Amino acid sequence: MSESPRPDDRVKSVAHVGFSIVGDEVDPGEWTAATGIAPTAAWKKGEEYRGKPFPDRLMYKRWGVWRVEREAEHMELAARALLAVVEGKVERAKELAESRRLRVVVSLWWEPEGGQGGFDFDAVTMRRLSALCHEIAFYFA
């Protein structure tokens, strides 16, 4: 007979909250200079990479991305950590992105413990996140 998993053995929930500039003409160095923030991930359109499901296959990035991301066990904590880094530093970058027709996105990626469940935000946190971007993208694993 197998033992029931102990609470310490369970995988914890993981929340990712990111701020991204996305588009064909994204130059990561320019956005790093404009914000003074080191990105978590950045690339130009057309850069080569090896895909996870097919590591032997050379692929090319479909668009450029400059992204800052924070991770925590709870969505509110991840959001507050991201806000602490980007708030007050990305407003000029947002204006510049608008003039170039680039997308400015806040992404929320939720991997709930046990494979199901939801999350919530304080309304003030959601307003602060919304002020950073043109759209908010939700992802669930």
N, C-alpha and C. Protein backbone atom coordinates (compact mmCIF):
# COMPACT_ATOMS: atom_id res chain seq x y z
N MET A 1 0.85 -1.18 0.00
CA MET A 1 0.00 0.00 0.00
C MET A 1 0.89 1.24 0.00
N SER A 2 0.61 2.20 -0.89
CA SER A 2 1.44 3.40 -0.96
C SER A 2 1.01 4.41 0.09
N GLU A 3 1.97 5.18 0.52
CA GLU A 3 1.69 6.21 1.51
C GLU A 3 1.05 7.42 0.85
N SER A 4 0.22 8.12 1.59
CA SER A 4 -0.32 9.39 1.11
C SER A 4 0.80 10.41 1.12
N PRO A 5 0.81 11.31 0.12
CA PRO A 5 1.86 12.32 0.14
C PRO A 5 1.75 13.21 1.37
N ARG A 6 2.87 13.52 1.94
CA ARG A 6 2.90 14.45 3.07
C ARG A 6 2.84 15.87 2.51
N PRO A 7 2.34 16.83 3.29
CA PRO A 7 2.26 18.21 2.79
C PRO A 7 3.59 18.74 2.28
N ASP A 8 4.70 18.37 2.89
CA ASP A 8 6.01 18.84 2.46
C ASP A 8 6.42 18.26 1.11
N ASP A 9 5.80 17.14 0.70
CA ASP A 9 6.14 16.49 -0.56
C ASP A 9 5.40 17.11 -1.76
N ARG A 10 4.36 17.86 -1.52
CA ARG A 10 3.56 18.42 -2.61
C ARG A 10 4.31 19.55 -3.31
N VAL A 11 4.07 19.68 -4.58
CA VAL A 11 4.64 20.79 -5.33
C VAL A 11 3.85 22.04 -4.96
N LYS A 12 4.54 23.11 -4.67
CA LYS A 12 3.89 24.37 -4.31
C LYS A 12 3.39 25.09 -5.56
N SER A 13 2.45 25.97 -5.37
CA SER A 13 1.99 26.82 -6.47
C SER A 13 3.11 27.77 -6.85
N VAL A 14 3.13 28.13 -8.13
CA VAL A 14 4.12 29.08 -8.62
C VAL A 14 3.41 30.14 -9.45
N ALA A 15 3.68 31.39 -9.15
CA ALA A 15 3.11 32.51 -9.88
C ALA A 15 4.25 33.28 -10.55
N HIS A 16 4.07 33.59 -11.83
CA HIS A 16 5.03 34.40 -12.58
C HIS A 16 4.28 35.66 -13.03
N VAL A 17 4.87 36.82 -12.81
CA VAL A 17 4.30 38.07 -13.29
C VAL A 17 5.40 38.78 -14.07
N GLY A 18 5.07 39.15 -15.32
CA GLY A 18 6.08 39.77 -16.17
C GLY A 18 5.61 41.05 -16.82
N PHE A 19 6.56 41.90 -17.15
CA PHE A 19 6.34 43.12 -17.92
C PHE A 19 7.15 42.96 -19.19
N SER A 20 6.50 43.08 -20.36
CA SER A 20 7.20 42.83 -21.62
C SER A 20 6.93 43.91 -22.66
N ILE A 21 7.94 44.17 -23.47
CA ILE A 21 7.81 44.95 -24.70
C ILE A 21 7.96 43.91 -25.81
N VAL A 22 6.99 43.84 -26.73
CA VAL A 22 6.97 42.79 -27.74
C VAL A 22 6.72 43.38 -29.11
N GLY A 23 7.49 42.95 -30.11
CA GLY A 23 7.25 43.39 -31.48
C GLY A 23 8.41 43.09 -32.40
N ASP A 24 8.21 43.37 -33.67
CA ASP A 24 9.22 43.08 -34.68
C ASP A 24 10.50 43.90 -34.50
N GLU A 25 10.38 45.11 -34.01
CA GLU A 25 11.53 46.03 -33.93
C GLU A 25 12.10 46.20 -32.53
N VAL A 26 11.95 45.20 -31.69
CA VAL A 26 12.47 45.30 -30.32
C VAL A 26 13.98 45.07 -30.34
N ASP A 27 14.71 46.06 -29.81
CA ASP A 27 16.16 45.96 -29.62
C ASP A 27 16.39 45.91 -28.10
N PRO A 28 16.73 44.73 -27.57
CA PRO A 28 16.85 44.59 -26.11
C PRO A 28 17.75 45.63 -25.44
N GLY A 29 18.87 45.96 -26.06
CA GLY A 29 19.78 46.94 -25.47
C GLY A 29 19.14 48.31 -25.30
N GLU A 30 18.33 48.68 -26.26
CA GLU A 30 17.64 49.98 -26.19
C GLU A 30 16.68 50.04 -25.01
N TRP A 31 15.94 48.95 -24.77
CA TRP A 31 14.97 48.95 -23.68
C TRP A 31 15.65 48.85 -22.32
N THR A 32 16.77 48.16 -22.27
CA THR A 32 17.54 48.12 -21.02
C THR A 32 18.05 49.52 -20.69
N ALA A 33 18.56 50.22 -21.70
CA ALA A 33 19.05 51.58 -21.50
C ALA A 33 17.91 52.53 -21.12
N ALA A 34 16.75 52.38 -21.76
CA ALA A 34 15.61 53.27 -21.51
C ALA A 34 15.04 53.12 -20.11
N THR A 35 15.12 51.92 -19.54
CA THR A 35 14.52 51.67 -18.23
C THR A 35 15.54 51.60 -17.10
N GLY A 36 16.78 51.27 -17.43
CA GLY A 36 17.78 51.04 -16.39
C GLY A 36 17.59 49.72 -15.67
N ILE A 37 16.81 48.82 -16.26
CA ILE A 37 16.49 47.53 -15.65
C ILE A 37 17.10 46.42 -16.49
N ALA A 38 17.78 45.48 -15.84
CA ALA A 38 18.30 44.30 -16.55
C ALA A 38 17.12 43.35 -16.80
N PRO A 39 16.92 42.92 -18.04
CA PRO A 39 15.79 42.03 -18.32
C PRO A 39 16.03 40.61 -17.82
N THR A 40 14.94 39.91 -17.55
CA THR A 40 15.00 38.49 -17.22
C THR A 40 15.25 37.68 -18.49
N ALA A 41 14.65 38.15 -19.59
CA ALA A 41 14.82 37.51 -20.90
C ALA A 41 14.70 38.58 -21.96
N ALA A 42 15.47 38.45 -23.04
CA ALA A 42 15.40 39.42 -24.14
C ALA A 42 16.00 38.81 -25.39
N TRP A 43 15.40 39.13 -26.54
CA TRP A 43 15.95 38.69 -27.83
C TRP A 43 15.37 39.54 -28.94
N LYS A 44 16.05 39.53 -30.07
CA LYS A 44 15.58 40.21 -31.27
C LYS A 44 14.84 39.22 -32.16
N LYS A 45 13.95 39.75 -32.98
CA LYS A 45 13.25 38.93 -33.96
C LYS A 45 14.30 38.27 -34.86
N GLY A 46 14.10 36.99 -35.14
CA GLY A 46 14.99 36.27 -36.04
C GLY A 46 16.17 35.60 -35.38
N GLU A 47 16.39 35.83 -34.07
CA GLU A 47 17.49 35.15 -33.39
C GLU A 47 17.26 33.65 -33.38
N GLU A 48 18.33 32.91 -33.50
CA GLU A 48 18.26 31.45 -33.52
C GLU A 48 18.12 30.90 -32.10
N TYR A 49 17.44 29.77 -31.99
CA TYR A 49 17.37 29.04 -30.73
C TYR A 49 17.04 27.58 -31.03
N ARG A 50 17.22 26.76 -30.03
CA ARG A 50 16.88 25.34 -30.15
C ARG A 50 15.60 25.11 -29.36
N GLY A 51 14.58 24.54 -30.00
CA GLY A 51 13.30 24.32 -29.36
C GLY A 51 13.36 23.22 -28.31
N LYS A 52 12.59 23.36 -27.24
CA LYS A 52 12.58 22.35 -26.17
C LYS A 52 12.11 20.98 -26.66
N PRO A 53 10.99 20.92 -27.40
CA PRO A 53 10.59 19.56 -27.80
C PRO A 53 11.52 18.97 -28.87
N PHE A 54 12.25 19.84 -29.59
CA PHE A 54 13.12 19.37 -30.67
C PHE A 54 14.49 20.05 -30.55
N PRO A 55 15.33 19.64 -29.58
CA PRO A 55 16.60 20.33 -29.36
C PRO A 55 17.56 20.24 -30.55
N ASP A 56 17.34 19.29 -31.44
CA ASP A 56 18.21 19.16 -32.60
C ASP A 56 17.74 20.04 -33.76
N ARG A 57 16.63 20.73 -33.59
CA ARG A 57 16.06 21.54 -34.66
C ARG A 57 16.33 23.02 -34.40
N LEU A 58 16.96 23.70 -35.34
CA LEU A 58 17.23 25.12 -35.22
C LEU A 58 15.96 25.90 -35.57
N MET A 59 15.60 26.83 -34.71
CA MET A 59 14.40 27.63 -34.93
C MET A 59 14.76 29.10 -34.83
N TYR A 60 13.82 29.98 -35.17
CA TYR A 60 14.05 31.42 -35.17
C TYR A 60 12.92 32.14 -34.42
N LYS A 61 13.31 33.13 -33.63
CA LYS A 61 12.32 33.89 -32.86
C LYS A 61 11.39 34.63 -33.81
N ARG A 62 10.09 34.55 -33.55
CA ARG A 62 9.09 35.15 -34.43
C ARG A 62 8.94 36.66 -34.21
N TRP A 63 9.33 37.16 -33.04
CA TRP A 63 9.28 38.59 -32.74
C TRP A 63 10.29 38.88 -31.65
N GLY A 64 10.59 40.13 -31.46
CA GLY A 64 11.51 40.54 -30.41
C GLY A 64 10.78 40.69 -29.08
N VAL A 65 11.51 40.45 -28.00
CA VAL A 65 10.94 40.57 -26.65
C VAL A 65 11.98 41.14 -25.70
N TRP A 66 11.54 42.02 -24.85
CA TRP A 66 12.32 42.47 -23.69
C TRP A 66 11.39 42.28 -22.50
N ARG A 67 11.79 41.44 -21.52
CA ARG A 67 10.89 41.08 -20.42
C ARG A 67 11.60 41.09 -19.07
N VAL A 68 10.87 41.57 -18.09
CA VAL A 68 11.28 41.48 -16.69
C VAL A 68 10.21 40.65 -16.00
N GLU A 69 10.62 39.63 -15.26
CA GLU A 69 9.67 38.73 -14.62
C GLU A 69 10.06 38.48 -13.17
N ARG A 70 9.05 38.30 -12.35
CA ARG A 70 9.26 37.91 -10.97
C ARG A 70 8.39 36.70 -10.67
N GLU A 71 8.85 35.88 -9.75
CA GLU A 71 8.18 34.62 -9.41
C GLU A 71 8.01 34.54 -7.90
N ALA A 72 6.88 33.98 -7.48
CA ALA A 72 6.62 33.76 -6.05
C ALA A 72 5.60 32.63 -5.92
N GLU A 73 5.34 32.25 -4.70
CA GLU A 73 4.35 31.20 -4.46
C GLU A 73 2.92 31.72 -4.61
N HIS A 74 2.73 33.02 -4.44
CA HIS A 74 1.41 33.64 -4.54
C HIS A 74 1.45 34.75 -5.58
N MET A 75 0.38 34.89 -6.36
CA MET A 75 0.33 35.88 -7.43
C MET A 75 0.51 37.30 -6.91
N GLU A 76 -0.12 37.62 -5.79
CA GLU A 76 0.00 38.97 -5.22
C GLU A 76 1.46 39.28 -4.88
N LEU A 77 2.19 38.32 -4.32
CA LEU A 77 3.60 38.54 -3.97
C LEU A 77 4.45 38.73 -5.21
N ALA A 78 4.21 37.94 -6.25
CA ALA A 78 4.96 38.09 -7.50
C ALA A 78 4.67 39.44 -8.13
N ALA A 79 3.40 39.87 -8.10
CA ALA A 79 3.01 41.16 -8.68
C ALA A 79 3.68 42.31 -7.93
N ARG A 80 3.68 42.25 -6.63
CA ARG A 80 4.32 43.32 -5.84
C ARG A 80 5.83 43.35 -6.07
N ALA A 81 6.44 42.19 -6.23
CA ALA A 81 7.88 42.14 -6.51
C ALA A 81 8.19 42.78 -7.87
N LEU A 82 7.35 42.50 -8.87
CA LEU A 82 7.54 43.12 -10.19
C LEU A 82 7.33 44.62 -10.10
N LEU A 83 6.28 45.04 -9.45
CA LEU A 83 6.01 46.48 -9.32
C LEU A 83 7.17 47.21 -8.64
N ALA A 84 7.77 46.58 -7.65
CA ALA A 84 8.90 47.20 -6.96
C ALA A 84 10.08 47.45 -7.90
N VAL A 85 10.21 46.63 -8.93
CA VAL A 85 11.32 46.77 -9.89
C VAL A 85 10.99 47.75 -11.00
N VAL A 86 9.77 47.69 -11.56
CA VAL A 86 9.49 48.44 -12.78
C VAL A 86 8.71 49.73 -12.60
N GLU A 87 7.90 49.82 -11.56
CA GLU A 87 7.06 51.00 -11.39
C GLU A 87 7.92 52.26 -11.28
N GLY A 88 7.57 53.28 -12.04
CA GLY A 88 8.33 54.53 -12.05
C GLY A 88 9.50 54.52 -13.00
N LYS A 89 9.81 53.38 -13.61
CA LYS A 89 10.94 53.27 -14.54
C LYS A 89 10.53 52.94 -15.96
N VAL A 90 9.27 52.54 -16.17
CA VAL A 90 8.87 52.07 -17.51
C VAL A 90 7.88 53.00 -18.21
N GLU A 91 7.49 54.10 -17.59
CA GLU A 91 6.50 54.96 -18.22
C GLU A 91 7.01 55.54 -19.53
N ARG A 92 8.26 56.01 -19.55
CA ARG A 92 8.84 56.55 -20.79
C ARG A 92 8.99 55.44 -21.82
N ALA A 93 9.36 54.25 -21.40
CA ALA A 93 9.48 53.12 -22.32
C ALA A 93 8.13 52.78 -22.92
N LYS A 94 7.07 52.87 -22.13
CA LYS A 94 5.72 52.60 -22.63
C LYS A 94 5.36 53.61 -23.72
N GLU A 95 5.63 54.88 -23.49
CA GLU A 95 5.36 55.91 -24.49
C GLU A 95 6.15 55.66 -25.78
N LEU A 96 7.41 55.32 -25.64
CA LEU A 96 8.26 55.02 -26.80
C LEU A 96 7.73 53.80 -27.55
N ALA A 97 7.32 52.78 -26.82
CA ALA A 97 6.76 51.58 -27.45
C ALA A 97 5.48 51.91 -28.22
N GLU A 98 4.63 52.77 -27.64
CA GLU A 98 3.40 53.17 -28.32
C GLU A 98 3.70 53.86 -29.64
N SER A 99 4.70 54.72 -29.65
CA SER A 99 5.05 55.45 -30.88
C SER A 99 5.56 54.51 -31.96
N ARG A 100 6.04 53.34 -31.59
CA ARG A 100 6.57 52.36 -32.55
C ARG A 100 5.61 51.20 -32.79
N ARG A 101 4.42 51.28 -32.23
CA ARG A 101 3.40 50.24 -32.39
C ARG A 101 3.86 48.88 -31.85
N LEU A 102 4.58 48.91 -30.75
CA LEU A 102 4.99 47.69 -30.06
C LEU A 102 3.98 47.41 -28.96
N ARG A 103 3.83 46.15 -28.61
CA ARG A 103 2.91 45.76 -27.54
C ARG A 103 3.60 45.87 -26.19
N VAL A 104 2.90 46.40 -25.22
CA VAL A 104 3.38 46.47 -23.85
C VAL A 104 2.42 45.60 -23.04
N VAL A 105 2.95 44.51 -22.48
CA VAL A 105 2.11 43.46 -21.90
C VAL A 105 2.55 43.15 -20.47
N VAL A 106 1.58 43.00 -19.59
CA VAL A 106 1.82 42.39 -18.29
C VAL A 106 1.25 40.98 -18.40
N SER A 107 2.08 40.00 -18.08
CA SER A 107 1.63 38.61 -18.16
C SER A 107 1.56 37.98 -16.77
N LEU A 108 0.52 37.20 -16.59
CA LEU A 108 0.29 36.48 -15.33
C LEU A 108 0.25 35.00 -15.67
N TRP A 109 1.22 34.25 -15.17
CA TRP A 109 1.32 32.82 -15.45
C TRP A 109 1.15 32.09 -14.13
N TRP A 110 0.12 31.25 -14.02
CA TRP A 110 -0.23 30.59 -12.77
C TRP A 110 -0.09 29.09 -12.92
N GLU A 111 0.71 28.50 -12.05
CA GLU A 111 0.88 27.05 -11.98
C GLU A 111 0.40 26.62 -10.59
N PRO A 112 -0.88 26.27 -10.46
CA PRO A 112 -1.42 26.00 -9.13
C PRO A 112 -1.00 24.64 -8.58
N GLU A 113 -0.82 24.61 -7.28
CA GLU A 113 -0.54 23.36 -6.57
C GLU A 113 -1.67 22.38 -6.87
N GLY A 114 -1.32 21.16 -7.22
CA GLY A 114 -2.32 20.15 -7.51
C GLY A 114 -2.95 20.27 -8.88
N GLY A 115 -2.51 21.24 -9.69
CA GLY A 115 -3.00 21.36 -11.06
C GLY A 115 -4.30 22.11 -11.24
N GLN A 116 -4.90 22.60 -10.18
CA GLN A 116 -6.11 23.38 -10.34
C GLN A 116 -6.21 24.40 -9.22
N GLY A 117 -6.98 25.42 -9.47
CA GLY A 117 -7.16 26.47 -8.47
C GLY A 117 -7.05 27.83 -9.13
N GLY A 118 -7.32 28.83 -8.38
CA GLY A 118 -7.30 30.19 -8.88
C GLY A 118 -6.42 31.08 -8.03
N PHE A 119 -6.45 32.34 -8.34
CA PHE A 119 -5.70 33.32 -7.58
C PHE A 119 -6.51 34.61 -7.53
N ASP A 120 -6.12 35.50 -6.64
CA ASP A 120 -6.78 36.80 -6.58
C ASP A 120 -5.74 37.88 -6.34
N PHE A 121 -6.19 39.11 -6.56
CA PHE A 121 -5.36 40.30 -6.37
C PHE A 121 -6.11 41.31 -5.54
N ASP A 122 -5.37 42.11 -4.85
CA ASP A 122 -5.90 43.34 -4.29
C ASP A 122 -6.23 44.25 -5.47
N ALA A 123 -7.35 44.97 -5.44
CA ALA A 123 -7.74 45.83 -6.55
C ALA A 123 -6.70 46.91 -6.83
N VAL A 124 -6.04 47.41 -5.82
CA VAL A 124 -5.00 48.43 -6.02
C VAL A 124 -3.83 47.84 -6.80
N THR A 125 -3.44 46.62 -6.48
CA THR A 125 -2.35 45.96 -7.21
C THR A 125 -2.73 45.80 -8.67
N MET A 126 -3.96 45.39 -8.95
CA MET A 126 -4.41 45.20 -10.33
C MET A 126 -4.41 46.54 -11.08
N ARG A 127 -4.84 47.61 -10.45
CA ARG A 127 -4.80 48.93 -11.10
C ARG A 127 -3.37 49.34 -11.41
N ARG A 128 -2.46 49.09 -10.47
CA ARG A 128 -1.05 49.45 -10.69
C ARG A 128 -0.46 48.66 -11.85
N LEU A 129 -0.77 47.36 -11.93
CA LEU A 129 -0.30 46.55 -13.05
C LEU A 129 -0.89 47.06 -14.37
N SER A 130 -2.18 47.36 -14.36
CA SER A 130 -2.86 47.83 -15.57
C SER A 130 -2.27 49.14 -16.08
N ALA A 131 -1.84 49.99 -15.17
CA ALA A 131 -1.26 51.28 -15.57
C ALA A 131 0.05 51.12 -16.33
N LEU A 132 0.70 49.98 -16.18
CA LEU A 132 1.98 49.73 -16.84
C LEU A 132 1.87 49.36 -18.31
N CYS A 133 0.68 48.90 -18.74
CA CYS A 133 0.63 48.19 -20.02
C CYS A 133 -0.58 48.54 -20.87
N HIS A 134 -0.61 47.92 -22.06
CA HIS A 134 -1.76 48.02 -22.96
C HIS A 134 -2.68 46.82 -22.80
N GLU A 135 -2.11 45.70 -22.38
CA GLU A 135 -2.91 44.49 -22.22
C GLU A 135 -2.34 43.62 -21.12
N ILE A 136 -3.21 42.81 -20.54
CA ILE A 136 -2.79 41.83 -19.54
C ILE A 136 -3.12 40.45 -20.11
N ALA A 137 -2.13 39.58 -20.12
CA ALA A 137 -2.28 38.22 -20.65
C ALA A 137 -2.28 37.23 -19.49
N PHE A 138 -3.23 36.31 -19.50
CA PHE A 138 -3.37 35.30 -18.45
C PHE A 138 -3.01 33.94 -19.02
N TYR A 139 -2.18 33.20 -18.29
CA TYR A 139 -1.79 31.84 -18.68
C TYR A 139 -1.96 30.93 -17.48
N PHE A 140 -2.42 29.73 -17.73
CA PHE A 140 -2.59 28.74 -16.67
C PHE A 140 -1.92 27.46 -17.09
N ALA A 141 -1.17 26.85 -16.18
CA ALA A 141 -0.48 25.59 -16.50
C ALA A 141 -1.23 24.42 -15.92
